[in-house]
Structures are given as C-alpha cells and as structure tokens.
Amino acid sequence: MSVLTDVSTAPAREAGARPGDHVIVLFGATGDLARRELLPGLFQLARAGLLPPRYRIVGTARSPHGDEEFRRIARDAVAEFGQTPPEGEAWRDFAGTLTFAAAEPAHPQPLMDAVSGAERAVGGTPRRLFHLAVPPSGFEATVRMLGATGLAEHGRIIVEKPFGTDLASARALNTAIHEVFDESDVFRIDHFLGKESVDNILAFRFANGLFEPIWNRNHISHVQIDVPETIGIEGRAAFFEGTGTYRDMIVTHLLQVLGFVAMEPPTTLAAKPIRDETSKVFAAMAPLDVRDVVRGQYQGYRDEAGIAPDSQTETFVAARVEVENWRWSGVPFFLRSGKSMAQRRQAVTIAFREPPMRMFPLSSDTAPRPTNKLVIDFADPGWIAAHFLAKEPGATMRLGEAAMTFRYADSFCNRRSLAGYERLILDAMLGDQSLFTRSDGIERLWEISAPLLSDPPPVQPYPAGSWGPDAALKLIAPHHWFLPDDH
C-alpha cells in the first residue's frame, strides 16, 4: 500500500455533494464515545439530509446485543446527548437502518454476516466506512481482522485518538494500517479540527486582507492555545493513567490547532495542499525542551479509584513550543491544558507587539494587562474578539480596554452548523481528508515529543479548581496567561 497517497481534488463539501451509498460499521458501538457523540451525530446527519440516499449502520462490540436492544441503546443515547429528541418519522427511518453484530478479531464471522446483510439491504456496491471507537490497544488487531476477512475492500477507516503513545508505536500502527488500507482511505480523527470555529481560522486569515499581513513575527509577540477543563478524569482511570494529559490533549488536539494557526496559505482548499502546509509547520517545530514544560497533577487524583498512590501521570501540561521558520522565528507558542481547573475554555490568543512608545496614560484597571490581542474562542459555536485600547469618555486623554466581538450564534443561522464529529464523519464519507492528520504529520509530532516522553520532569501538585502549578506562570513570563473570563 502507498503510505503518502493523498487526494488533491477540491473539497467535496464545497460543492455540496452528498455521500454515495454506505455501510457504516461502528466498532465500540455501545461505548461512551458512541453514546455521547457518534450515534447522536449520525442521527443529526440523517435529519439534516446529509447521510447517503441509501445506508445501513452496523454496530459491533464484544458484548452480544440484538438489533432491537441496540436500537434502544441508540435511542437512549440520542435522547440524552442529541440535539433533537428521537421521535417521529425521522427517528423511525434512522432506527430502521441500525443492526448489531457481536464480534471480536478472533471471531469475525458474525460481523461479516451483518455487513453482507447490510449491503444486500442497501443494494449495489456501497462504500464501507469503519469507525474504530475502541481502546487504542485494539486498533492493530481490528485492522488486521478487516484485512484478513476482506472487509477492508472498498472501505475507509476512521481511527480515534491517541494515535500511538510515542514515535515507535505510531510508526508500528501506521505500518499495520498501511498493510490493509491506502493512506487516502485513512482518517485519523481529531474532533477539534471539525469545529466550525477552528475551520474559520482559515477563512479569517486567508479571506481577509486585514489580518494576513500582520500574521507573522514582525507583529505578533506570542501565541497562546488554552484548553483548561473543569472536569476530572470522570472514572476513566484505566485510560488516563496510561495516557496522561500530554498524550491525550497536547499531541492530539492543541498541536493540531497550532498547525492551523501557523500554516502558510495553501494553494487551494483541497486536502493535499492543506495537509502539506500543516505538515510543514510540524516539520519546523523544534524538539521540546523539558525545561520548557510544566507537568502538574491535581490534588486528589491519586485518591481516584484505580490510580496508583505514587502515580506520576500528569493531569496538567503547560509547554512552550517554537516553530523555526521564516514566519514564526522567535515567536513562542504557549500551550496549556489540564483537568480540574478553574474554567473550561477553548481559546487561541494572538498577542500583538506593543507600540515602541507609550504616548497615552492608561487607566489603573488597564495598566497591568496587555491589550493588543485577538482571541479566537473555538468552543462551539465560537466567537472572535479583537481587544484594543480606546479613549475613555472625559476631559482627559486616558485609555481603557475595549473589544469588538463576532459571535457565530448572533451572526449566522446555527441550524446549518455541525458538531465536530458530525462534520468529520461526513467528510470521511465524502473522502475529504482536509481536517484529518496525515501519517507523516502524526509521526513528526511524536518525534518532537521524544525528549519529554523519555525524561519527563516530575509532576507538581495543584489544588483542584485552580489554574495549575505556579511554575506555569513562570514559564510564560514576562507575558501572562489570558482567558476571556480571567480577571
């Protein structure tokens, strides 16, 4: 199989295309991800008329369930996590496409029979789409089973995060996948990249002559990508203890967003030019210096069920990343994410350089705060705010902070919006890889992570509900972490 085959046609979504007939196979169909995201997302796509004219969905897991029981599981999932209730003709039509087959790599026959039955129901030669919503330890065995049984033929595969745990495991997983699937049929999913507001970074930069000329080291002081979470590990000790925040969030999400923020203009919006440019950003990243990384662990983490009493797994990471190319040389990118923190946010902050001379006096409230910044909030539905200085009313020339804000919810019809997973599942059916990571890109991110993974600094405790260890404040100095609600 070709490792770096890529599609170069214009994005199918741009032409308003609808996917051809499909059989969609959900591995881990009764798990938490399927319940919270995949089943509600597929129903939303069906209601919006974005699924193929003819399709079937085959759920599979190790636990045996009948078709009706799986439909009940799906109905409960949509009722709890979906945008609209599972009722009426829309739900009846969707539920009628659901079947279930208990299967595991060593015993694939029930799944093979279920896929064959689904294809007969659809008719013709539908595409197969496999979504691996299973623990990473099961990826390789599942892929090999798809190859050995012939199910992979005429198929595409969506692989969940984390894609490997280091460079060696990522390479091994890529090798195993490429033995069965061509790279053009592999979709390494990061639901952050499916968000409307992340995709809007491309439009914001490259469709507006106002911003692109200042998007470089001459005008930008530093960049922050901040994704704090207020939740803890939510009972996922087995997963989190073997993963940690760096593998779970930084490699998988924040560095991917950095690629969109820092990329050069692609020649077109097709998959290959976009992924070429993000891969160039990853190639220009310097290996992480462990002195530029702060690892933290919230107090009480070791009391969670299933956590070792001497665990060194980090629940917080702050890191300084350098992109060593012409556009970004000397501009630090500061990344921060953690569990049990004071706020939940998903924000990119572009901090512009201060004027060389301060001509105007500032108000006492404004003086300690940097004010020349652009904030992109990429939590759905998202917004963009420009923070600047303006004259306060009165007889004296005194400046205060002001902001101009664009909000998706106030500006466009949100009925057309798709959640991250909905958008990416649709793109995978259309064969559009624009928002999915390529094999060389993910391997490069693990490569620059090697110094940290081989010799991580010890975790520093921080109180739950705080902003993490104090060392994170020193890391970003003389700058300050900024969040819209952090006063």
Protein backbone atom coordinates (compact mmCIF):
# COMPACT_ATOMS: atom_id res chain seq x y z
CA MET A 1 0.00 0.00 0.00
CA SER A 2 1.12 3.58 -0.67
CA VAL A 3 1.95 5.40 2.54
CA LEU A 4 1.59 9.01 1.40
CA THR A 5 -1.09 8.82 -1.26
CA ASP A 6 -3.30 11.90 -0.90
CA VAL A 7 -6.32 13.25 -2.65
CA SER A 8 -5.93 16.57 -4.47
CA THR A 9 -9.39 17.31 -5.76
CA ALA A 10 -11.37 20.26 -4.45
CA PRO A 11 -13.16 19.57 -1.15
CA ALA A 12 -16.38 17.67 -1.74
CA ARG A 13 -18.14 19.72 0.93
CA GLU A 14 -17.52 22.86 -1.15
CA ALA A 15 -19.68 21.50 -3.96
CA GLY A 16 -22.50 20.47 -1.59
CA ALA A 17 -22.06 16.83 -2.55
CA ARG A 18 -23.91 14.07 -0.74
CA PRO A 19 -22.05 10.83 0.02
CA GLY A 20 -22.72 7.77 -2.08
CA ASP A 21 -24.36 4.68 -0.60
CA HIS A 22 -22.61 3.42 2.54
CA VAL A 23 -22.47 0.68 5.14
CA ILE A 24 -21.11 2.29 8.32
CA VAL A 25 -19.58 -0.06 10.90
CA LEU A 26 -19.15 1.29 14.43
CA PHE A 27 -16.63 -0.67 16.49
CA GLY A 28 -17.29 0.00 20.18
CA ALA A 29 -20.89 0.87 19.36
CA THR A 30 -22.07 0.56 22.97
CA GLY A 31 -19.16 2.52 24.48
CA ASP A 32 -19.07 6.04 25.87
CA LEU A 33 -17.84 7.74 22.68
CA ALA A 34 -20.54 6.14 20.55
CA ARG A 35 -23.18 7.05 23.12
CA ARG A 36 -22.13 10.67 23.54
CA GLU A 37 -21.01 11.57 20.02
CA LEU A 38 -21.31 9.02 17.23
CA LEU A 39 -24.89 7.79 17.48
CA PRO A 40 -26.35 11.27 18.19
CA GLY A 41 -24.13 12.69 15.43
CA LEU A 42 -25.26 10.14 12.85
CA PHE A 43 -28.90 10.81 13.70
CA GLN A 44 -28.33 14.55 13.31
CA LEU A 45 -26.74 13.98 9.89
CA ALA A 46 -29.73 11.84 8.92
CA ARG A 47 -32.20 14.55 9.99
CA ALA A 48 -30.23 17.14 8.03
CA GLY A 49 -30.38 15.01 4.89
CA LEU A 50 -26.58 14.64 4.81
CA LEU A 51 -26.29 10.88 5.04
CA PRO A 52 -26.30 8.86 1.80
CA PRO A 53 -29.59 8.18 0.00
CA ARG A 54 -29.20 4.52 1.00
CA TYR A 55 -27.20 3.43 4.03
CA ARG A 56 -27.06 0.98 6.92
CA ILE A 57 -25.28 1.26 10.27
CA VAL A 58 -23.84 -1.89 11.83
CA GLY A 59 -22.91 -1.63 15.48
CA THR A 60 -20.42 -4.09 16.90
CA ALA A 61 -18.87 -4.75 20.28
CA ARG A 62 -17.72 -7.74 22.27
CA SER A 63 -20.93 -7.86 24.30
CA PRO A 64 -23.82 -9.53 22.44
CA HIS A 65 -26.91 -7.44 21.70
CA GLY A 66 -29.86 -7.94 19.41
CA ASP A 67 -30.91 -5.39 16.82
CA GLU A 68 -33.80 -4.11 18.92
CA GLU A 69 -31.64 -3.77 22.01
CA PHE A 70 -29.07 -1.79 20.00
CA ARG A 71 -31.83 0.48 18.72
CA ARG A 72 -32.90 1.08 22.31
CA ILE A 73 -29.30 1.92 23.26
CA ALA A 74 -29.13 4.33 20.33
CA ARG A 75 -32.46 5.92 21.24
CA ASP A 76 -31.33 6.49 24.84
CA ALA A 77 -28.06 7.99 23.60
CA VAL A 78 -29.80 10.41 21.25
CA ALA A 79 -32.33 11.36 23.95
CA GLU A 80 -29.55 12.17 26.41
CA PHE A 81 -26.89 13.71 24.18
CA GLY A 82 -28.53 14.59 20.86
CA GLN A 83 -29.64 17.99 19.60
CA THR A 84 -33.18 16.82 18.89
CA PRO A 85 -35.30 14.09 20.50
CA PRO A 86 -35.54 10.65 18.86
CA GLU A 87 -39.12 10.70 17.69
CA GLY A 88 -41.36 10.82 14.65
CA GLU A 89 -40.65 9.64 11.16
CA ALA A 90 -37.05 10.81 11.23
CA TRP A 91 -36.26 8.52 14.14
CA ARG A 92 -38.18 5.57 12.73
CA ASP A 93 -36.32 5.82 9.44
CA PHE A 94 -32.96 6.10 11.22
CA ALA A 95 -33.64 3.27 13.67
CA GLY A 96 -34.58 1.03 10.76
CA THR A 97 -31.01 1.28 9.46
CA LEU A 98 -29.45 0.01 12.71
CA THR A 99 -28.31 -3.58 13.18
CA PHE A 100 -25.87 -5.18 15.61
CA ALA A 101 -23.29 -7.95 15.46
CA ALA A 102 -21.17 -9.11 18.40
CA ALA A 103 -17.64 -9.59 17.11
CA GLU A 104 -14.00 -9.53 18.08
CA PRO A 105 -10.87 -10.02 15.98
CA ALA A 106 -10.65 -13.75 16.75
CA HIS A 107 -14.30 -14.41 15.82
CA PRO A 108 -15.27 -12.11 12.91
CA GLN A 109 -17.97 -14.24 11.27
CA PRO A 110 -21.00 -12.51 12.90
CA LEU A 111 -19.70 -9.14 11.72
CA MET A 112 -19.02 -10.44 8.23
CA ASP A 113 -22.59 -11.76 8.05
CA ALA A 114 -24.02 -8.47 9.35
CA VAL A 115 -22.07 -6.39 6.80
CA SER A 116 -23.17 -8.70 3.98
CA GLY A 117 -26.79 -8.38 5.10
CA ALA A 118 -26.49 -4.60 5.30
CA GLU A 119 -25.02 -4.45 1.80
CA ARG A 120 -27.86 -6.55 0.39
CA ALA A 121 -30.34 -4.19 2.05
CA VAL A 122 -28.63 -1.15 0.53
CA GLY A 123 -28.15 -2.76 -2.87
CA GLY A 124 -25.42 -2.22 -5.42
CA THR A 125 -21.83 -1.81 -4.17
CA PRO A 126 -21.93 0.60 -1.23
CA ARG A 127 -18.78 2.04 0.31
CA ARG A 128 -17.74 0.68 3.70
CA LEU A 129 -16.75 3.07 6.48
CA PHE A 130 -15.22 1.62 9.65
CA HIS A 131 -15.05 3.78 12.79
CA LEU A 132 -12.68 2.44 15.47
CA ALA A 133 -14.22 3.79 18.68
CA VAL A 134 -12.32 1.19 20.71
CA PRO A 135 -9.33 1.44 23.09
CA PRO A 136 -6.05 2.08 21.23
CA SER A 137 -4.79 -1.34 22.30
CA GLY A 138 -7.39 -2.86 19.97
CA PHE A 139 -6.56 -0.84 16.83
CA GLU A 140 -3.99 -3.14 15.22
CA ALA A 141 -5.90 -6.38 15.82
CA THR A 142 -9.09 -4.86 14.43
CA VAL A 143 -7.33 -3.55 11.32
CA ARG A 144 -5.69 -6.91 10.67
CA MET A 145 -9.06 -8.62 11.02
CA LEU A 146 -10.55 -6.26 8.44
CA GLY A 147 -7.73 -7.12 6.07
CA ALA A 148 -7.82 -10.88 6.66
CA THR A 149 -11.59 -11.14 6.15
CA GLY A 150 -11.71 -8.92 3.07
CA LEU A 151 -13.99 -6.43 4.81
CA ALA A 152 -11.45 -3.67 4.16
CA GLU A 153 -12.06 -3.87 0.41
CA HIS A 154 -13.78 -0.74 -0.90
CA GLY A 155 -13.55 0.66 2.60
CA ARG A 156 -12.28 3.65 4.55
CA ILE A 157 -11.30 3.72 8.21
CA ILE A 158 -11.62 6.36 10.94
CA VAL A 159 -9.07 5.88 13.72
CA GLU A 160 -9.65 7.54 17.10
CA LYS A 161 -7.05 9.19 19.27
CA PRO A 162 -4.49 8.78 20.65
CA PHE A 163 -2.72 7.53 17.53
CA GLY A 164 0.14 5.77 19.28
CA THR A 165 1.79 6.74 22.55
CA ASP A 166 5.23 7.59 21.15
CA LEU A 167 7.09 7.59 17.84
CA ALA A 168 7.73 3.83 17.78
CA SER A 169 4.12 2.89 18.49
CA ALA A 170 2.80 5.44 15.98
CA ARG A 171 5.08 4.05 13.29
CA ALA A 172 4.04 0.49 14.12
CA LEU A 173 0.36 1.44 13.94
CA ASN A 174 0.86 3.26 10.64
CA THR A 175 2.65 0.23 9.23
CA ALA A 176 -0.16 -2.09 10.31
CA ILE A 177 -2.81 0.18 8.82
CA HIS A 178 -0.94 0.69 5.55
CA GLU A 179 -0.72 -3.07 5.08
CA VAL A 180 -4.51 -3.06 4.77
CA PHE A 181 -5.60 0.48 3.78
CA ASP A 182 -4.12 3.05 1.44
CA GLU A 183 -3.29 6.35 3.15
CA SER A 184 -6.01 8.02 1.07
CA ASP A 185 -8.55 5.83 2.92
CA VAL A 186 -7.24 6.53 6.45
CA PHE A 187 -8.88 9.23 8.59
CA ARG A 188 -7.10 9.96 11.90
CA ILE A 189 -9.77 11.91 13.70
CA ASP A 190 -9.39 14.93 15.99
CA HIS A 191 -12.83 16.37 16.67
CA PHE A 192 -11.30 19.77 17.49
CA LEU A 193 -10.49 20.20 13.79
CA GLY A 194 -14.14 19.58 12.92
CA LYS A 195 -15.30 22.61 14.88
CA GLU A 196 -16.74 25.46 12.83
CA SER A 197 -14.63 27.99 14.70
CA VAL A 198 -11.35 26.13 14.07
CA ASP A 199 -12.15 25.83 10.37
CA ASN A 200 -12.98 29.52 10.47
CA ILE A 201 -9.31 30.25 11.27
CA LEU A 202 -8.60 29.53 7.60
CA ALA A 203 -11.34 31.89 6.44
CA PHE A 204 -10.38 34.55 8.98
CA ARG A 205 -6.75 34.59 7.88
CA PHE A 206 -6.87 33.97 4.16
CA ALA A 207 -10.16 35.59 3.11
CA ASN A 208 -9.45 38.94 4.77
CA GLY A 209 -6.61 41.22 3.68
CA LEU A 210 -6.92 42.96 7.04
CA PHE A 211 -5.30 40.14 9.03
CA GLU A 212 -2.90 38.04 6.94
CA PRO A 213 -0.29 40.84 6.51
CA ILE A 214 0.19 41.07 10.29
CA TRP A 215 0.14 37.30 10.93
CA ASN A 216 3.90 36.94 11.48
CA ARG A 217 6.89 37.54 13.77
CA ASN A 218 7.08 41.24 12.89
CA HIS A 219 3.74 41.96 14.54
CA ILE A 220 2.95 39.05 16.87
CA SER A 221 4.62 38.78 20.26
CA HIS A 222 3.43 35.29 21.22
CA VAL A 223 0.52 32.89 20.78
CA GLN A 224 -1.45 31.00 23.41
CA ILE A 225 -3.59 27.90 22.85
CA ASP A 226 -5.51 27.27 26.03
CA VAL A 227 -7.85 24.35 26.77
CA PRO A 228 -8.47 24.10 30.52
CA GLU A 229 -11.17 21.71 31.72
CA THR A 230 -13.14 21.81 34.94
CA ILE A 231 -13.86 18.07 34.98
CA GLY A 232 -11.56 15.44 36.46
CA ILE A 233 -10.87 12.07 34.88
CA GLU A 234 -14.55 11.07 35.13
CA GLY A 235 -13.91 7.46 36.15
CA ARG A 236 -11.52 6.82 33.24
CA ALA A 237 -8.59 5.77 35.42
CA ALA A 238 -7.57 2.83 33.25
CA PHE A 239 -7.33 5.04 30.16
CA PHE A 240 -5.93 8.17 31.76
CA GLU A 241 -3.26 6.55 33.93
CA GLY A 242 -1.67 5.08 30.81
CA THR A 243 -2.07 8.24 28.74
CA GLY A 244 -1.90 11.50 30.69
CA THR A 245 -2.73 15.00 29.52
CA TYR A 246 0.22 15.40 27.16
CA ARG A 247 -0.69 12.39 25.02
CA ASP A 248 -4.44 12.90 25.42
CA MET A 249 -4.63 16.64 24.73
CA ILE A 250 -1.39 18.27 23.60
CA VAL A 251 -0.33 15.92 20.79
CA THR A 252 -3.86 15.08 19.72
CA HIS A 253 -5.58 18.47 19.96
CA LEU A 254 -3.52 21.55 20.78
CA LEU A 255 -0.63 20.90 18.40
CA GLN A 256 -3.15 20.18 15.64
CA VAL A 257 -4.79 23.57 16.24
CA LEU A 258 -1.32 25.15 16.24
CA GLY A 259 -0.82 23.73 12.75
CA PHE A 260 -3.88 25.65 11.51
CA VAL A 261 -2.87 28.87 13.27
CA ALA A 262 0.72 28.82 11.95
CA MET A 263 0.35 27.32 8.44
CA GLU A 264 1.25 29.13 5.24
CA PRO A 265 -1.53 29.85 2.70
CA PRO A 266 -2.44 26.62 0.88
CA THR A 267 -2.67 26.81 -2.89
CA THR A 268 -6.29 25.57 -2.70
CA LEU A 269 -8.66 24.30 -0.03
CA ALA A 270 -8.19 20.71 -1.19
CA ALA A 271 -6.91 18.12 1.26
CA LYS A 272 -3.36 17.75 -0.06
CA PRO A 273 -2.40 21.47 -0.04
CA ILE A 274 -3.91 21.99 3.44
CA ARG A 275 -2.20 18.93 4.89
CA ASP A 276 1.06 19.80 3.15
CA GLU A 277 1.10 23.18 4.90
CA THR A 278 0.26 21.84 8.37
CA SER A 279 2.92 19.15 7.93
CA LYS A 280 5.45 21.89 7.11
CA VAL A 281 4.58 23.56 10.42
CA PHE A 282 5.14 20.29 12.29
CA ALA A 283 8.44 19.78 10.45
CA ALA A 284 9.58 23.25 11.54
CA MET A 285 8.85 22.63 15.23
CA ALA A 286 11.89 22.26 17.43
CA PRO A 287 12.03 19.19 19.71
CA LEU A 288 10.56 20.01 23.10
CA ASP A 289 12.98 21.20 25.76
CA VAL A 290 11.93 19.62 29.05
CA ARG A 291 12.86 22.89 30.76
CA ASP A 292 10.00 24.49 28.80
CA VAL A 293 7.36 22.04 30.03
CA VAL A 294 5.43 22.10 33.31
CA ARG A 295 3.65 18.93 34.36
CA GLY A 296 1.07 19.06 37.15
CA GLN A 297 -1.29 16.73 38.98
CA TYR A 298 -4.39 17.93 40.79
CA GLN A 299 -4.57 17.15 44.48
CA GLY A 300 -6.90 14.20 44.96
CA TYR A 301 -6.01 12.50 41.67
CA ARG A 302 -4.19 9.71 43.49
CA ASP A 303 -7.31 9.10 45.58
CA GLU A 304 -9.33 8.22 42.47
CA ALA A 305 -10.25 4.55 42.09
CA GLY A 306 -7.68 2.72 40.00
CA ILE A 307 -4.89 5.31 40.41
CA ALA A 308 -1.54 4.26 41.86
CA PRO A 309 -0.72 6.01 45.17
CA ASP A 310 2.64 7.15 43.75
CA SER A 311 1.36 7.99 40.24
CA GLN A 312 3.44 10.40 38.17
CA THR A 313 0.77 10.75 35.47
CA GLU A 314 0.21 14.41 34.65
CA THR A 315 -3.28 15.93 34.66
CA PHE A 316 -1.90 19.35 33.62
CA VAL A 317 0.62 20.44 31.00
CA ALA A 318 1.93 23.86 30.06
CA ALA A 319 4.54 23.97 27.31
CA ARG A 320 6.49 26.42 25.21
CA VAL A 321 6.79 25.40 21.55
CA GLU A 322 8.97 27.00 18.88
CA VAL A 323 8.24 26.99 15.13
CA GLU A 324 11.58 27.62 13.46
CA ASN A 325 10.65 29.05 10.08
CA TRP A 326 10.71 32.46 8.42
CA ARG A 327 7.23 33.50 9.54
CA TRP A 328 7.46 32.47 13.20
CA SER A 329 11.12 32.56 14.22
CA GLY A 330 11.35 33.99 17.74
CA VAL A 331 7.60 33.81 18.43
CA PRO A 332 6.83 31.37 21.27
CA PHE A 333 3.63 29.31 21.23
CA PHE A 334 2.38 28.58 24.74
CA LEU A 335 0.08 25.59 25.18
CA ARG A 336 -1.90 24.79 28.32
CA SER A 337 -4.42 22.11 29.19
CA GLY A 338 -5.45 20.38 32.39
CA LYS A 339 -8.14 18.65 34.38
CA SER A 340 -9.96 20.08 37.43
CA MET A 341 -9.09 23.66 36.57
CA ALA A 342 -10.85 26.93 37.36
CA GLN A 343 -12.57 27.42 33.99
CA ARG A 344 -13.50 25.46 30.91
CA ARG A 345 -12.28 27.21 27.80
CA GLN A 346 -11.02 26.51 24.27
CA ALA A 347 -9.23 29.62 23.08
CA VAL A 348 -6.43 30.82 20.86
CA THR A 349 -4.95 34.19 21.86
CA ILE A 350 -2.80 36.09 19.36
CA ALA A 351 -0.85 38.71 21.32
CA PHE A 352 0.47 41.58 19.20
CA ARG A 353 3.58 43.54 19.93
CA GLU A 354 3.16 46.69 21.99
CA PRO A 355 3.90 50.05 20.35
CA PRO A 356 7.54 51.11 20.81
CA MET A 357 6.49 54.25 22.74
CA ARG A 358 3.62 54.62 25.19
CA MET A 359 2.17 58.05 24.39
CA PHE A 360 -1.07 57.80 26.35
CA PRO A 361 -1.69 57.28 30.06
CA LEU A 362 -3.64 54.14 30.93
CA SER A 363 -6.38 53.74 33.48
CA SER A 364 -5.46 51.91 36.68
CA ASP A 365 -7.58 48.90 35.59
CA THR A 366 -5.80 48.59 32.26
CA ALA A 367 -2.18 49.26 33.20
CA PRO A 368 -1.10 45.73 34.19
CA ARG A 369 -2.90 43.98 31.31
CA PRO A 370 -1.65 43.55 27.74
CA THR A 371 -4.37 44.87 25.47
CA ASN A 372 -3.36 44.30 21.86
CA LYS A 373 -4.70 40.81 21.24
CA LEU A 374 -7.01 38.76 19.12
CA VAL A 375 -8.94 35.95 20.83
CA ILE A 376 -10.49 33.06 18.92
CA ASP A 377 -12.83 31.03 21.11
CA PHE A 378 -13.29 27.65 19.42
CA ALA A 379 -15.81 26.14 21.79
CA ASP A 380 -18.99 25.62 19.77
CA PRO A 381 -20.48 27.81 18.44
CA GLY A 382 -17.45 30.08 18.96
CA TRP A 383 -16.54 33.75 18.61
CA ILE A 384 -13.65 36.06 17.73
CA ALA A 385 -12.79 39.20 19.70
CA ALA A 386 -10.28 41.96 18.98
CA HIS A 387 -9.04 43.64 22.18
CA PHE A 388 -7.57 47.12 21.83
CA LEU A 389 -7.21 50.46 23.61
CA ALA A 390 -9.69 53.32 23.23
CA LYS A 391 -10.09 56.72 24.82
CA GLU A 392 -12.32 56.73 27.89
CA PRO A 393 -15.04 59.43 27.97
CA GLY A 394 -14.00 62.60 29.73
CA ALA A 395 -11.87 65.69 29.50
CA THR A 396 -8.54 63.87 29.82
CA MET A 397 -6.80 61.62 27.32
CA ARG A 398 -6.91 58.39 29.27
CA LEU A 399 -7.21 54.96 27.67
CA GLY A 400 -9.15 51.89 28.66
CA GLU A 401 -9.54 48.42 27.19
CA ALA A 402 -12.23 47.84 24.57
CA ALA A 403 -13.24 44.90 22.40
CA MET A 404 -15.07 44.16 19.16
CA THR A 405 -16.61 40.70 19.04
CA PHE A 406 -18.02 38.49 16.31
CA ARG A 407 -20.26 35.69 17.60
CA TYR A 408 -21.39 32.79 15.47
CA ALA A 409 -24.63 32.49 17.41
CA ASP A 410 -25.53 36.13 16.71
CA SER A 411 -24.44 36.28 13.09
CA PHE A 412 -25.45 33.09 11.28
CA CYS A 413 -28.22 30.53 11.27
CA ASN A 414 -26.97 27.81 13.62
CA ARG A 415 -29.41 25.29 12.23
CA ARG A 416 -26.84 24.65 9.50
CA SER A 417 -23.96 24.08 11.91
CA LEU A 418 -22.49 20.66 12.52
CA ALA A 419 -20.72 19.46 15.66
CA GLY A 420 -17.13 18.32 15.27
CA TYR A 421 -17.86 14.62 14.94
CA GLU A 422 -20.80 15.20 12.60
CA ARG A 423 -18.67 17.25 10.26
CA LEU A 424 -15.77 14.80 10.28
CA ILE A 425 -17.89 11.68 9.76
CA LEU A 426 -19.49 13.41 6.78
CA ASP A 427 -16.07 14.38 5.42
CA ALA A 428 -14.85 10.80 5.78
CA MET A 429 -17.83 9.51 3.78
CA LEU A 430 -17.05 12.12 1.13
CA GLY A 431 -13.38 11.14 1.11
CA ASP A 432 -12.26 14.66 2.14
CA GLN A 433 -9.12 14.40 4.32
CA SER A 434 -8.59 18.15 4.78
CA LEU A 435 -9.24 18.06 8.54
CA PHE A 436 -7.51 14.76 9.29
CA THR A 437 -3.86 14.21 10.20
CA ARG A 438 -1.53 12.54 7.73
CA SER A 439 0.83 9.73 8.77
CA ASP A 440 3.99 11.84 8.45
CA GLY A 441 2.38 14.64 10.47
CA ILE A 442 1.49 12.49 13.48
CA GLU A 443 4.89 10.78 13.42
CA ARG A 444 6.62 14.18 13.43
CA LEU A 445 4.64 15.30 16.48
CA TRP A 446 5.73 12.20 18.38
CA GLU A 447 9.29 12.82 17.20
CA ILE A 448 9.45 16.32 18.70
CA SER A 449 7.83 14.93 21.88
CA ALA A 450 10.55 12.32 22.40
CA PRO A 451 12.74 14.37 24.81
CA LEU A 452 9.77 14.94 27.12
CA LEU A 453 8.46 11.38 26.96
CA SER A 454 11.88 9.87 27.65
CA ASP A 455 12.77 12.16 30.57
CA PRO A 456 9.63 13.90 31.91
CA PRO A 457 10.02 16.35 34.79
CA PRO A 458 8.21 15.34 38.00
CA VAL A 459 4.59 16.35 38.39
CA GLN A 460 3.85 19.33 40.61
CA PRO A 461 0.68 19.30 42.73
CA TYR A 462 -2.03 21.91 42.28
CA PRO A 463 -5.37 22.42 44.04
CA ALA A 464 -8.44 21.23 42.15
CA GLY A 465 -10.30 24.25 40.78
CA SER A 466 -7.12 26.32 40.38
CA TRP A 467 -5.01 27.34 37.38
CA GLY A 468 -2.39 24.67 37.86
CA PRO A 469 1.12 24.85 39.35
CA ASP A 470 2.71 28.25 39.90
CA ALA A 471 5.55 27.15 37.62
CA ALA A 472 3.21 27.66 34.66
CA LEU A 473 3.15 31.40 35.44
CA LYS A 474 6.94 31.49 35.36
CA LEU A 475 7.00 29.57 32.08
CA ILE A 476 5.11 32.28 30.20
CA ALA A 477 6.75 35.27 31.93
CA PRO A 478 7.08 38.16 31.16
CA HIS A 479 3.75 37.50 29.47
CA HIS A 480 0.59 36.35 31.22
CA TRP A 481 -1.92 33.59 30.53
CA PHE A 482 -5.08 35.14 29.18
CA LEU A 483 -8.61 33.85 29.25
CA PRO A 484 -11.67 35.97 28.46
CA ASP A 485 -13.22 35.44 31.91
CA ASP A 486 -9.96 35.58 33.88
CA HIS A 487 -9.95 38.83 35.80
